[in-house]
Amino acid sequence: MTAEGKTNNLICGVIYTTVILFRNLFYYVILTSDKTREKKMDHVLSVDQFDRSALEDFFKRVDAMRELVKKDGGDERLAHHVIANLFFEPSTRTNSSFTAAMYRLGGGVININDVQKTTSVAKGETLEDTVRMLAGYADAIVIRHSEVGAMARAAAVSSVPIINAGEGVGEHPTQALLDLYTIYQEKGKIDGLTITMLGDLKYGRTPHSLAKILNNFDVSIRFASPVSLAFPADLQAELKNDVSVTSSLAEVLPESDVLYATRIQKERIDDPAEYEQIGDSYHITKQSLAQMKQDAIIMHPLPRVDEITTDVDSDPRAAYFRQAENGLYVRMALFDMLIKR
């Protein structure tokens, strides 16, 4: 890498750290204010809002949603209520599961995708004005945005709940909730497990949120990634569990109870040579399964490209499609909890 490239990376790192600090300060203010203590879940912006007790209560609500869908397909508890999906970035699972969750509870959905091209944002409308406007139409707003700090801006002006559906390289709290619920469902417990996060741990917001929410439990965390895509040091400093770091996939396979694979995000890597250099070093294949525990599970937030080969799908340890299904029940539970009736 050239000296100019190193300087640019350093500047980007400083800017990213500054934005994270200001975002965390905002979350601290809203989560510790008198109003927020009375209504802890006015918004879902960060995994920091959930302590262990809140998570255990929430899982009971998710269990109830799961049973409801399996038995009756849903109900009408949110009839005549509407949510708005405001997605500035592409999404399949997150958008679809939020939409399905509202329909399963009898409500309606305003779906706004490709915001930059199809809305007044293209004319220069600010996020704040868009949120204020949608709050007059909807009972909650689900937002995916490319900028860290966007959720704090939205929550500061919204009169209805804001749900963070993914924020740049920052957090994805509802994904962390469904990931944690999947571990609980599949393994019957969370405490005592060795949980390995694999692949793009620098840009991937899903491992960031999962690692943070695991602070509520007693687990061992393993990070396995290329050095260039390592878990951010400032976020690792926030973790309370035992953490080890390696660049070797073979090293972590035998000891992992949960293997959480992530896609190498080509769209977030500026240098094509860096992407090509990583290659298939962190791919899970049929051969990988032979090195894993028989009761381990493989998770992935999806979409996958080729980091888990399709011949793994038929193995009972492949939990990623069950994980995606759990997103429906988790998001139903969130709407049930947040929307005032």
Protein backbone atom coordinates (compact mmCIF):
# COMPACT_ATOMS: atom_id res chain seq x y z
CA MET A 1 0.00 0.00 0.00
CA THR A 2 1.28 3.48 -0.85
CA ALA A 3 2.04 6.13 1.78
CA GLU A 4 -0.95 8.09 0.51
CA GLY A 5 -3.18 5.03 0.96
CA LYS A 6 -1.95 4.51 4.52
CA THR A 7 -2.62 8.17 5.31
CA ASN A 8 -6.15 7.91 3.90
CA ASN A 9 -6.81 4.78 5.95
CA LEU A 10 -5.59 6.56 9.08
CA ILE A 11 -7.84 9.55 8.42
CA CYS A 12 -10.84 7.26 7.80
CA GLY A 13 -10.09 5.43 11.05
CA VAL A 14 -10.03 8.67 13.04
CA ILE A 15 -13.30 9.85 11.47
CA TYR A 16 -14.96 6.47 12.15
CA THR A 17 -13.85 6.46 15.81
CA THR A 18 -15.10 10.03 16.31
CA VAL A 19 -18.52 9.22 14.84
CA ILE A 20 -18.80 6.12 17.04
CA LEU A 21 -17.97 8.17 20.16
CA PHE A 22 -20.63 10.78 19.38
CA ARG A 23 -23.17 8.06 18.57
CA ASN A 24 -22.50 6.28 21.85
CA LEU A 25 -22.81 9.57 23.74
CA PHE A 26 -26.23 10.11 22.16
CA TYR A 27 -27.35 6.59 23.08
CA TYR A 28 -26.14 7.14 26.65
CA VAL A 29 -28.16 10.34 26.97
CA ILE A 30 -31.40 8.90 25.62
CA LEU A 31 -31.05 5.63 27.53
CA THR A 32 -30.37 7.28 30.89
CA SER A 33 -32.82 10.19 30.74
CA ASP A 34 -35.85 10.17 33.07
CA LYS A 35 -38.21 9.70 30.15
CA THR A 36 -36.24 6.74 28.82
CA ARG A 37 -36.09 5.07 32.23
CA GLU A 38 -39.89 5.11 32.24
CA LYS A 39 -40.09 3.81 28.64
CA LYS A 40 -36.89 1.91 28.02
CA MET A 41 -37.94 0.73 24.57
CA ASP A 42 -39.21 3.86 22.86
CA HIS A 43 -36.71 2.99 20.10
CA VAL A 44 -34.45 0.05 19.28
CA LEU A 45 -31.15 1.65 18.26
CA SER A 46 -28.43 -0.41 19.92
CA VAL A 47 -27.86 -3.73 21.62
CA ASP A 48 -26.74 -1.69 24.63
CA GLN A 49 -30.42 -1.21 25.46
CA PHE A 50 -30.79 -4.90 26.38
CA ASP A 51 -29.49 -6.36 29.63
CA ARG A 52 -29.75 -10.05 30.46
CA SER A 53 -33.10 -9.74 32.19
CA ALA A 54 -34.58 -7.81 29.25
CA LEU A 55 -33.24 -10.43 26.83
CA GLU A 56 -34.70 -13.33 28.80
CA ASP A 57 -38.10 -11.58 28.90
CA PHE A 58 -37.84 -10.78 25.20
CA PHE A 59 -37.09 -14.41 24.32
CA LYS A 60 -40.34 -15.43 26.03
CA ARG A 61 -42.16 -12.97 23.80
CA VAL A 62 -40.37 -14.38 20.74
CA ASP A 63 -41.32 -17.92 21.78
CA ALA A 64 -44.95 -16.77 21.93
CA MET A 65 -44.73 -15.28 18.43
CA ARG A 66 -43.19 -18.49 17.11
CA GLU A 67 -45.99 -20.57 18.63
CA LEU A 68 -48.60 -18.15 17.27
CA VAL A 69 -47.32 -18.46 13.71
CA LYS A 70 -46.95 -22.23 13.88
CA LYS A 71 -50.47 -22.64 15.26
CA ASP A 72 -52.56 -19.91 13.65
CA GLY A 73 -50.34 -18.08 11.19
CA GLY A 74 -50.71 -14.85 13.18
CA ASP A 75 -53.47 -12.67 14.60
CA GLU A 76 -54.96 -9.17 14.33
CA ARG A 77 -53.46 -7.46 17.40
CA LEU A 78 -51.92 -4.71 15.25
CA ALA A 79 -54.86 -4.24 12.90
CA HIS A 80 -55.16 -0.60 11.72
CA HIS A 81 -51.52 0.02 12.61
CA VAL A 82 -48.87 0.77 10.01
CA ILE A 83 -45.07 0.61 9.91
CA ALA A 84 -42.78 2.31 7.40
CA ASN A 85 -39.69 0.51 6.06
CA LEU A 86 -37.19 3.18 4.99
CA PHE A 87 -34.24 1.43 3.37
CA PHE A 88 -31.30 3.43 2.03
CA GLU A 89 -29.35 0.20 1.37
CA PRO A 90 -30.36 -3.08 -0.32
CA SER A 91 -31.99 -5.77 1.80
CA THR A 92 -33.76 -9.07 1.30
CA ARG A 93 -34.15 -10.82 4.66
CA THR A 94 -34.38 -7.79 6.94
CA ASN A 95 -36.91 -5.93 4.79
CA SER A 96 -38.97 -9.03 4.02
CA SER A 97 -39.07 -10.25 7.61
CA PHE A 98 -40.11 -6.85 8.99
CA THR A 99 -42.83 -6.68 6.33
CA ALA A 100 -44.03 -10.23 7.01
CA ALA A 101 -43.92 -9.63 10.76
CA MET A 102 -46.33 -6.70 10.48
CA TYR A 103 -48.67 -8.57 8.16
CA ARG A 104 -48.68 -11.59 10.48
CA LEU A 105 -49.92 -9.28 13.26
CA GLY A 106 -52.65 -7.75 11.13
CA GLY A 107 -50.99 -4.44 10.29
CA GLY A 108 -49.98 -2.61 7.13
CA VAL A 109 -46.62 -1.63 5.65
CA ILE A 110 -45.26 1.36 3.74
CA ASN A 111 -42.24 -0.04 1.90
CA ILE A 112 -39.73 2.53 0.65
CA ASN A 113 -36.68 0.99 -1.00
CA ASP A 114 -33.86 2.51 -3.03
CA VAL A 115 -34.51 5.74 -1.15
CA GLN A 116 -31.81 7.74 -2.91
CA LYS A 117 -33.55 7.35 -6.28
CA THR A 118 -37.25 6.95 -5.57
CA THR A 119 -38.00 9.56 -2.89
CA SER A 120 -37.58 13.26 -2.23
CA VAL A 121 -34.14 12.49 -0.81
CA ALA A 122 -33.08 12.70 -4.46
CA LYS A 123 -34.30 16.31 -4.37
CA GLY A 124 -32.29 17.11 -1.27
CA GLU A 125 -34.74 16.25 1.53
CA THR A 126 -32.93 15.54 4.81
CA LEU A 127 -33.24 12.33 6.79
CA GLU A 128 -34.78 14.34 9.63
CA ASP A 129 -37.55 15.74 7.42
CA THR A 130 -38.25 12.34 5.88
CA VAL A 131 -38.60 10.81 9.35
CA ARG A 132 -40.85 13.62 10.63
CA MET A 133 -43.11 13.16 7.62
CA LEU A 134 -43.32 9.35 7.91
CA ALA A 135 -44.06 9.62 11.63
CA GLY A 136 -47.36 11.21 10.61
CA TYR A 137 -48.26 8.13 8.58
CA ALA A 138 -46.82 5.22 10.54
CA ASP A 139 -46.75 3.85 14.09
CA ALA A 140 -43.08 2.85 13.82
CA ILE A 141 -40.27 3.42 11.31
CA VAL A 142 -37.73 0.76 10.40
CA ILE A 143 -34.56 2.29 8.93
CA ARG A 144 -31.50 0.91 7.16
CA HIS A 145 -28.86 3.52 6.41
CA SER A 146 -25.27 3.61 5.21
CA GLU A 147 -24.10 6.22 7.72
CA VAL A 148 -23.14 5.53 11.33
CA GLY A 149 -25.09 8.04 13.44
CA ALA A 150 -28.16 8.12 11.19
CA MET A 151 -30.33 6.27 13.74
CA ALA A 152 -29.52 8.76 16.46
CA ARG A 153 -30.49 11.60 14.14
CA ALA A 154 -33.76 9.88 13.27
CA ALA A 155 -34.66 9.08 16.88
CA ALA A 156 -33.97 12.67 17.93
CA VAL A 157 -36.83 13.98 15.77
CA SER A 158 -39.26 11.06 15.60
CA SER A 159 -42.55 10.93 17.50
CA VAL A 160 -42.85 7.17 16.85
CA PRO A 161 -40.42 4.29 17.54
CA ILE A 162 -37.34 4.03 15.34
CA ILE A 163 -35.94 0.54 14.75
CA ASN A 164 -32.35 0.26 13.57
CA ALA A 165 -32.30 -2.24 10.68
CA GLY A 166 -28.59 -1.81 10.01
CA GLU A 167 -26.38 1.27 10.14
CA GLY A 168 -23.32 1.31 7.89
CA VAL A 169 -20.42 -0.46 9.58
CA GLY A 170 -21.97 0.27 12.99
CA GLU A 171 -24.74 -1.79 14.59
CA HIS A 172 -27.52 -4.13 13.49
CA PRO A 173 -29.33 -4.76 16.78
CA THR A 174 -32.31 -6.73 15.49
CA GLN A 175 -29.93 -9.12 13.71
CA ALA A 176 -28.06 -9.56 17.00
CA LEU A 177 -31.35 -10.36 18.73
CA LEU A 178 -32.26 -13.04 16.21
CA ASP A 179 -28.70 -14.42 16.25
CA LEU A 180 -28.75 -14.68 20.02
CA TYR A 181 -32.22 -16.23 19.97
CA THR A 182 -31.03 -18.78 17.39
CA ILE A 183 -28.11 -19.81 19.60
CA TYR A 184 -30.52 -20.17 22.53
CA GLN A 185 -32.98 -22.21 20.42
CA GLU A 186 -30.38 -24.45 18.82
CA LYS A 187 -28.10 -25.06 21.81
CA GLY A 188 -30.58 -24.76 24.68
CA LYS A 189 -28.26 -22.33 26.47
CA ILE A 190 -25.81 -19.51 25.84
CA ASP A 191 -23.56 -19.54 28.90
CA GLY A 192 -20.47 -21.71 28.61
CA LEU A 193 -20.34 -21.81 24.80
CA THR A 194 -17.37 -21.06 22.56
CA ILE A 195 -18.61 -18.75 19.82
CA THR A 196 -16.39 -18.12 16.81
CA MET A 197 -16.94 -15.22 14.40
CA LEU A 198 -15.35 -15.74 11.03
CA GLY A 199 -14.58 -13.65 7.96
CA ASP A 200 -15.11 -9.90 7.65
CA LEU A 201 -15.05 -8.69 11.23
CA LYS A 202 -13.97 -5.14 10.40
CA TYR A 203 -16.81 -3.95 8.18
CA GLY A 204 -19.44 -6.50 9.20
CA ARG A 205 -21.96 -4.84 11.51
CA THR A 206 -23.53 -8.19 12.47
CA PRO A 207 -20.48 -9.53 14.37
CA HIS A 208 -20.07 -6.11 16.01
CA SER A 209 -23.57 -6.26 17.47
CA LEU A 210 -23.45 -9.96 18.33
CA ALA A 211 -20.17 -9.62 20.20
CA LYS A 212 -21.55 -6.70 22.21
CA ILE A 213 -24.85 -8.35 23.12
CA LEU A 214 -22.92 -11.42 24.31
CA ASN A 215 -21.57 -9.22 27.12
CA ASN A 216 -24.74 -10.30 28.94
CA PHE A 217 -23.59 -13.92 29.03
CA ASP A 218 -20.55 -15.96 30.05
CA VAL A 219 -19.05 -17.19 26.78
CA SER A 220 -15.68 -17.52 25.08
CA ILE A 221 -15.34 -15.56 21.84
CA ARG A 222 -12.96 -16.43 19.03
CA PHE A 223 -12.29 -14.02 16.17
CA ALA A 224 -10.90 -15.60 12.99
CA SER A 225 -10.21 -13.24 10.10
CA PRO A 226 -7.56 -11.81 7.81
CA VAL A 227 -5.44 -9.26 9.64
CA SER A 228 -6.78 -6.55 7.33
CA LEU A 229 -10.38 -7.40 8.33
CA ALA A 230 -9.84 -7.89 12.07
CA PHE A 231 -12.48 -6.98 14.65
CA PRO A 232 -12.03 -3.25 15.49
CA ALA A 233 -9.82 -2.71 18.53
CA ASP A 234 -12.05 0.01 20.00
CA LEU A 235 -15.07 -2.32 19.93
CA GLN A 236 -13.07 -5.24 21.28
CA ALA A 237 -12.15 -3.07 24.27
CA GLU A 238 -15.88 -2.97 25.14
CA LEU A 239 -16.19 -6.74 25.36
CA LYS A 240 -16.38 -8.42 28.77
CA ASN A 241 -15.92 -12.04 27.73
CA ASP A 242 -12.71 -13.99 27.12
CA VAL A 243 -11.55 -13.17 23.58
CA SER A 244 -8.86 -14.71 21.39
CA VAL A 245 -7.82 -13.66 17.89
CA THR A 246 -6.41 -15.76 15.06
CA SER A 247 -6.09 -15.72 11.29
CA SER A 248 -6.40 -19.51 11.09
CA LEU A 249 -9.71 -21.19 10.30
CA ALA A 250 -8.32 -24.65 11.07
CA GLU A 251 -7.41 -23.52 14.58
CA VAL A 252 -10.98 -22.61 15.59
CA LEU A 253 -13.04 -25.34 13.91
CA PRO A 254 -12.53 -28.12 16.52
CA GLU A 255 -13.31 -25.95 19.55
CA SER A 256 -16.32 -23.97 18.29
CA ASP A 257 -19.83 -24.63 19.57
CA VAL A 258 -21.13 -21.88 17.30
CA LEU A 259 -19.40 -20.92 14.06
CA TYR A 260 -20.72 -17.57 12.86
CA ALA A 261 -19.53 -17.05 9.27
CA THR A 262 -19.79 -13.72 7.47
CA ARG A 263 -19.48 -12.61 3.89
CA ILE A 264 -16.37 -10.72 2.84
CA GLN A 265 -18.05 -7.45 1.88
CA LYS A 266 -16.49 -6.53 -1.44
CA GLU A 267 -18.56 -3.35 -1.61
CA ARG A 268 -16.92 -2.01 1.56
CA ILE A 269 -13.32 -2.82 0.56
CA ASP A 270 -11.69 -0.02 -1.43
CA ASP A 271 -8.70 -2.02 -2.70
CA PRO A 272 -9.69 -4.83 -5.15
CA ALA A 273 -6.29 -6.47 -4.62
CA GLU A 274 -7.07 -6.87 -0.92
CA TYR A 275 -10.32 -8.67 -1.75
CA GLU A 276 -8.63 -11.02 -4.22
CA GLN A 277 -5.82 -11.79 -1.77
CA ILE A 278 -8.28 -13.12 0.81
CA GLY A 279 -9.63 -15.63 -1.71
CA ASP A 280 -11.24 -18.74 -0.19
CA SER A 281 -9.17 -18.80 2.99
CA TYR A 282 -12.25 -18.57 5.21
CA HIS A 283 -14.69 -20.81 3.36
CA ILE A 284 -16.69 -23.52 5.13
CA THR A 285 -16.87 -26.67 3.04
CA LYS A 286 -17.91 -30.29 3.44
CA GLN A 287 -14.32 -30.98 4.46
CA SER A 288 -14.56 -28.37 7.23
CA LEU A 289 -17.45 -30.26 8.81
CA ALA A 290 -15.20 -33.23 9.58
CA GLN A 291 -13.13 -31.00 11.88
CA MET A 292 -16.13 -29.66 13.80
CA LYS A 293 -18.03 -30.90 16.84
CA GLN A 294 -21.02 -33.08 16.04
CA ASP A 295 -23.31 -30.78 18.04
CA ALA A 296 -21.87 -27.51 16.76
CA ILE A 297 -23.98 -25.14 14.67
CA ILE A 298 -23.05 -23.01 11.67
CA MET A 299 -24.67 -19.61 11.41
CA HIS A 300 -24.55 -16.85 8.81
CA PRO A 301 -26.49 -13.55 8.64
CA LEU A 302 -26.82 -14.02 4.84
CA PRO A 303 -26.53 -13.32 2.00
CA ARG A 304 -23.73 -15.75 1.36
CA VAL A 305 -21.68 -15.79 -1.79
CA ASP A 306 -19.32 -18.75 -1.62
CA GLU A 307 -18.04 -18.62 1.97
CA ILE A 308 -20.28 -21.60 2.84
CA THR A 309 -20.50 -24.11 0.01
CA THR A 310 -23.94 -25.43 -0.84
CA ASP A 311 -22.99 -29.02 0.00
CA VAL A 312 -22.97 -27.94 3.66
CA ASP A 313 -26.68 -27.03 3.57
CA SER A 314 -27.94 -30.59 4.13
CA ASP A 315 -25.88 -31.08 7.29
CA PRO A 316 -28.04 -30.71 10.44
CA ARG A 317 -25.40 -28.38 11.87
CA ALA A 318 -26.22 -25.81 9.15
CA ALA A 319 -28.53 -23.47 11.05
CA TYR A 320 -28.48 -20.37 8.83
CA PHE A 321 -31.87 -20.82 7.18
CA ARG A 322 -33.47 -21.59 10.54
CA GLN A 323 -31.68 -18.47 11.77
CA ALA A 324 -33.25 -16.40 8.97
CA GLU A 325 -36.71 -17.76 9.85
CA ASN A 326 -36.21 -16.67 13.45
CA GLY A 327 -35.94 -13.12 12.14
CA LEU A 328 -39.70 -13.19 11.54
CA TYR A 329 -40.53 -14.13 15.14
CA VAL A 330 -38.04 -11.66 16.61
CA ARG A 331 -39.41 -8.76 14.56
CA MET A 332 -42.99 -9.70 15.38
CA ALA A 333 -41.99 -9.57 19.05
CA LEU A 334 -40.40 -6.13 18.54
CA PHE A 335 -43.57 -4.71 16.98
CA ASP A 336 -45.68 -6.29 19.73
CA MET A 337 -43.45 -4.62 22.31
CA LEU A 338 -43.01 -1.20 20.72
CA ILE A 339 -46.23 -0.22 19.00
CA LYS A 340 -48.68 1.50 21.30
CA ARG A 341 -52.22 0.14 21.20
